[in-house]
N, C-alpha and C. Protein backbone atom coordinates (compact mmCIF):
# COMPACT_ATOMS: atom_id res chain seq x y z
N MET A 1 -116.00 104.70 119.26
CA MET A 1 -115.30 104.07 118.37
C MET A 1 -115.53 105.07 117.16
N SER A 2 -114.51 105.72 116.74
CA SER A 2 -114.44 106.51 115.48
C SER A 2 -114.33 105.70 114.37
N LEU A 3 -114.30 106.10 113.14
CA LEU A 3 -114.10 105.40 111.95
C LEU A 3 -113.23 106.24 111.05
N THR A 4 -112.51 105.74 110.18
CA THR A 4 -111.87 106.16 109.06
C THR A 4 -112.25 105.51 107.72
N LEU A 5 -112.19 106.24 106.66
CA LEU A 5 -112.44 105.65 105.46
C LEU A 5 -111.14 104.74 105.06
N ARG A 6 -111.30 103.66 104.37
CA ARG A 6 -110.21 102.96 103.80
C ARG A 6 -109.33 104.00 102.94
N PRO A 7 -108.15 103.76 102.87
CA PRO A 7 -107.40 104.71 101.99
C PRO A 7 -107.91 104.67 100.55
N ASP A 8 -108.38 103.39 99.98
CA ASP A 8 -108.75 103.50 98.75
C ASP A 8 -110.33 103.85 98.39
N VAL A 9 -110.93 104.35 99.49
CA VAL A 9 -112.32 104.80 99.36
C VAL A 9 -112.29 106.39 99.51
N CYS A 10 -113.23 106.85 98.63
CA CYS A 10 -113.36 108.37 98.69
C CYS A 10 -114.80 108.55 98.81
N ALA A 11 -115.15 109.72 99.47
CA ALA A 11 -116.57 110.24 99.64
C ALA A 11 -116.87 111.36 99.10
N THR A 12 -118.06 111.68 98.49
CA THR A 12 -118.58 112.72 98.03
C THR A 12 -119.96 113.10 98.44
N ASP A 13 -120.21 114.19 99.08
CA ASP A 13 -121.38 114.58 99.35
C ASP A 13 -122.34 114.76 98.17
N THR A 14 -123.60 114.54 98.42
CA THR A 14 -124.71 114.79 97.54
C THR A 14 -125.65 115.68 97.90
N ALA A 15 -126.59 116.00 97.18
CA ALA A 15 -127.92 116.77 97.70
C ALA A 15 -128.55 116.19 98.84
N ASP A 16 -128.53 114.67 98.68
CA ASP A 16 -129.53 113.87 99.68
C ASP A 16 -128.75 112.92 100.46
N GLY A 17 -127.46 112.98 100.64
CA GLY A 17 -126.59 112.07 101.44
C GLY A 17 -125.14 112.10 100.92
N MET A 18 -124.74 110.93 100.59
CA MET A 18 -123.21 110.83 100.29
C MET A 18 -123.09 109.55 99.31
N VAL A 19 -121.81 109.70 98.52
CA VAL A 19 -121.67 108.63 97.41
C VAL A 19 -120.23 108.15 98.01
N LEU A 20 -120.07 106.80 98.29
CA LEU A 20 -118.74 106.23 98.64
C LEU A 20 -118.07 105.45 97.43
N LEU A 21 -117.08 105.77 96.98
CA LEU A 21 -116.40 104.86 95.85
C LEU A 21 -115.19 104.18 96.33
N ASP A 22 -115.11 102.82 96.10
CA ASP A 22 -114.07 101.98 96.35
C ASP A 22 -113.20 101.94 95.13
N GLU A 23 -112.20 102.73 95.12
CA GLU A 23 -111.38 102.98 93.89
C GLU A 23 -110.70 101.63 93.45
N ALA A 24 -110.48 100.69 94.44
CA ALA A 24 -109.75 99.56 94.01
C ALA A 24 -110.75 98.41 93.38
N SER A 25 -111.97 98.56 93.70
CA SER A 25 -112.97 97.50 93.02
C SER A 25 -113.85 98.35 92.01
N GLY A 26 -113.99 99.72 92.08
CA GLY A 26 -114.70 100.28 91.29
C GLY A 26 -116.34 100.26 91.63
N ARG A 27 -116.54 99.88 92.69
CA ARG A 27 -117.84 99.81 93.25
C ARG A 27 -118.21 100.96 94.05
N TYR A 28 -119.57 101.29 94.08
CA TYR A 28 -119.77 102.57 94.89
C TYR A 28 -121.07 102.24 95.63
N TRP A 29 -121.39 103.14 96.70
CA TRP A 29 -122.56 102.89 97.52
C TRP A 29 -123.01 104.40 97.77
N GLN A 30 -124.39 104.40 97.69
CA GLN A 30 -125.04 105.56 97.96
C GLN A 30 -125.68 105.61 99.30
N LEU A 31 -125.42 106.67 99.92
CA LEU A 31 -125.90 106.65 101.40
C LEU A 31 -127.05 107.62 101.54
N ASN A 32 -128.08 107.42 102.13
CA ASN A 32 -129.14 108.40 102.34
C ASN A 32 -128.78 109.50 103.31
N GLY A 33 -129.51 110.47 103.55
CA GLY A 33 -129.14 111.54 104.41
C GLY A 33 -128.80 111.03 105.75
N SER A 34 -129.56 110.10 106.45
CA SER A 34 -129.39 109.75 107.79
C SER A 34 -128.13 108.88 108.01
N ALA A 35 -127.77 107.98 106.87
CA ALA A 35 -126.56 107.23 106.97
C ALA A 35 -125.33 108.13 106.94
N ALA A 36 -125.47 109.21 106.06
CA ALA A 36 -124.30 110.09 105.74
C ALA A 36 -124.17 110.87 106.99
N LEU A 37 -125.01 111.33 107.59
CA LEU A 37 -125.00 112.02 108.98
C LEU A 37 -124.27 111.11 109.95
N VAL A 38 -124.66 109.96 110.13
CA VAL A 38 -124.10 109.10 111.00
C VAL A 38 -122.45 108.85 110.69
N LEU A 39 -122.19 108.58 109.41
CA LEU A 39 -120.94 108.32 108.90
C LEU A 39 -120.20 109.61 109.34
N ARG A 40 -120.70 110.84 108.75
CA ARG A 40 -119.79 112.07 109.16
C ARG A 40 -119.60 112.25 110.53
N SER A 41 -120.40 112.10 111.47
CA SER A 41 -120.18 111.98 113.04
C SER A 41 -119.08 111.17 113.16
N LEU A 42 -119.16 109.98 112.82
CA LEU A 42 -117.93 108.95 113.09
C LEU A 42 -116.74 109.37 112.55
N LEU A 43 -116.60 109.78 111.29
CA LEU A 43 -115.48 110.13 110.74
C LEU A 43 -114.90 111.46 111.45
N ASP A 44 -115.78 112.18 112.04
CA ASP A 44 -115.24 113.37 112.78
C ASP A 44 -114.74 113.19 114.06
N GLY A 45 -114.63 111.77 114.43
CA GLY A 45 -114.17 111.38 115.70
C GLY A 45 -115.21 111.07 116.89
N GLY A 46 -116.53 111.27 116.55
CA GLY A 46 -117.52 111.02 117.37
C GLY A 46 -117.71 109.51 117.81
N GLU A 47 -118.36 109.38 118.73
CA GLU A 47 -118.72 108.12 119.19
C GLU A 47 -120.00 107.55 118.61
N PRO A 48 -120.45 106.38 118.79
CA PRO A 48 -121.74 106.06 118.16
C PRO A 48 -122.89 106.81 118.96
N SER A 49 -122.60 107.04 120.16
CA SER A 49 -123.76 107.81 120.89
C SER A 49 -123.72 109.22 120.36
N ASP A 50 -122.75 109.92 120.15
CA ASP A 50 -122.81 111.12 119.22
C ASP A 50 -123.66 111.18 118.10
N ALA A 51 -123.40 110.10 117.08
CA ALA A 51 -123.91 110.01 115.81
C ALA A 51 -125.37 109.78 116.16
N ALA A 52 -125.89 108.90 117.20
CA ALA A 52 -127.43 108.63 117.42
C ALA A 52 -127.63 110.07 117.83
N ARG A 53 -127.25 110.85 118.70
CA ARG A 53 -127.72 112.03 119.17
C ARG A 53 -127.92 113.08 117.79
N ALA A 54 -126.83 113.15 117.02
CA ALA A 54 -127.20 113.85 115.86
C ALA A 54 -128.30 113.45 115.06
N LEU A 55 -128.50 112.13 114.94
CA LEU A 55 -129.55 111.54 114.15
C LEU A 55 -130.92 112.00 114.74
N ARG A 56 -130.94 111.87 116.22
CA ARG A 56 -132.35 112.38 116.74
C ARG A 56 -132.46 113.90 116.65
N ALA A 57 -131.47 114.72 116.57
CA ALA A 57 -131.49 116.13 116.38
C ALA A 57 -131.95 116.49 115.02
N ALA A 58 -131.66 115.72 113.98
CA ALA A 58 -132.15 115.77 112.71
C ALA A 58 -133.39 115.28 112.46
N HIS A 59 -133.85 114.43 113.30
CA HIS A 59 -135.34 113.67 113.15
C HIS A 59 -135.82 113.62 114.53
N PRO A 60 -136.40 114.64 115.23
CA PRO A 60 -137.06 114.74 116.35
C PRO A 60 -137.88 113.64 116.88
N ARG A 61 -138.60 113.18 115.95
CA ARG A 61 -139.65 112.02 116.28
C ARG A 61 -138.86 110.76 116.42
N LEU A 62 -137.78 110.66 116.30
CA LEU A 62 -137.02 109.42 116.37
C LEU A 62 -136.71 109.00 117.76
N THR A 63 -137.07 107.82 118.17
CA THR A 63 -136.78 107.65 119.71
C THR A 63 -135.25 107.31 119.93
N ALA A 64 -134.85 107.35 120.99
CA ALA A 64 -133.31 107.14 121.29
C ALA A 64 -133.01 105.61 121.04
N GLU A 65 -133.78 104.91 121.25
CA GLU A 65 -133.61 103.40 121.00
C GLU A 65 -133.46 103.16 119.44
N ARG A 66 -134.36 103.70 118.64
CA ARG A 66 -134.40 103.64 117.15
C ARG A 66 -133.11 104.27 116.66
N ALA A 67 -132.59 105.41 117.20
CA ALA A 67 -131.40 106.16 116.78
C ALA A 67 -130.19 105.10 117.03
N ASP A 68 -130.14 104.70 118.17
CA ASP A 68 -128.97 103.74 118.57
C ASP A 68 -128.86 102.53 117.69
N ASP A 69 -130.19 101.99 117.42
CA ASP A 69 -130.14 100.65 116.46
C ASP A 69 -129.67 101.17 115.04
N ASP A 70 -130.28 102.35 114.64
CA ASP A 70 -129.93 102.66 113.32
C ASP A 70 -128.45 102.99 113.06
N THR A 71 -127.66 103.65 114.22
CA THR A 71 -126.48 103.96 114.11
C THR A 71 -125.63 102.63 114.05
N ALA A 72 -126.00 101.69 114.98
CA ALA A 72 -125.38 100.62 114.81
C ALA A 72 -125.38 99.63 113.62
N SER A 73 -126.64 99.67 112.99
CA SER A 73 -126.86 98.96 111.55
C SER A 73 -126.13 99.65 110.69
N ILE A 74 -126.07 100.89 110.70
CA ILE A 74 -125.24 101.61 109.53
C ILE A 74 -123.69 101.40 109.72
N THR A 75 -123.39 101.55 110.97
CA THR A 75 -121.89 101.19 111.37
C THR A 75 -121.62 99.70 110.99
N SER A 76 -122.38 98.86 111.19
CA SER A 76 -122.08 97.41 110.86
C SER A 76 -121.99 97.27 109.31
N ALA A 77 -122.96 97.85 108.66
CA ALA A 77 -123.01 97.71 107.21
C ALA A 77 -121.76 98.30 106.49
N LEU A 78 -121.28 99.37 107.01
CA LEU A 78 -119.94 100.10 106.47
C LEU A 78 -118.80 99.21 106.72
N LEU A 79 -118.77 98.65 107.93
CA LEU A 79 -117.70 97.79 108.39
C LEU A 79 -117.60 96.46 107.47
N ALA A 80 -118.86 95.99 107.32
CA ALA A 80 -119.05 94.78 106.52
C ALA A 80 -118.54 94.93 105.02
N ALA A 81 -118.83 96.03 104.59
CA ALA A 81 -118.58 96.39 103.15
C ALA A 81 -117.13 96.83 102.96
N ARG A 82 -116.67 96.78 104.25
CA ARG A 82 -115.04 97.15 104.20
C ARG A 82 -114.80 98.60 103.45
N LEU A 83 -115.69 99.54 103.76
CA LEU A 83 -115.39 100.70 103.44
C LEU A 83 -114.79 101.66 104.41
N VAL A 84 -114.76 101.33 105.66
CA VAL A 84 -114.42 101.99 106.79
C VAL A 84 -113.62 100.91 107.70
N VAL A 85 -112.76 101.57 108.53
CA VAL A 85 -111.97 100.68 109.50
C VAL A 85 -112.27 101.41 110.97
N SER A 86 -112.12 100.69 111.93
CA SER A 86 -112.58 101.39 113.27
C SER A 86 -111.21 101.80 113.82
N SER A 87 -111.07 103.03 114.29
CA SER A 87 -109.84 103.73 114.68
C SER A 87 -109.91 103.90 116.27
């Protein structure tokens, strides 16, 4: 499942992650580096397993189970906030 940003959501990289702005509502979300890494992977067409592998590569002490759980949590939160859509 890859993701795309909703048309009225823009993303900007920051020094320690990413900021998402919902231009329709004026609300914004700040993602930490790990959440930004997962989102970038999914926006680039990767599957959740690819995002979890990227997360583990960035954080070698992270277990595969934790990386999978974190990826699922991040994905669910982004979908629930209606910042992204599944494509």
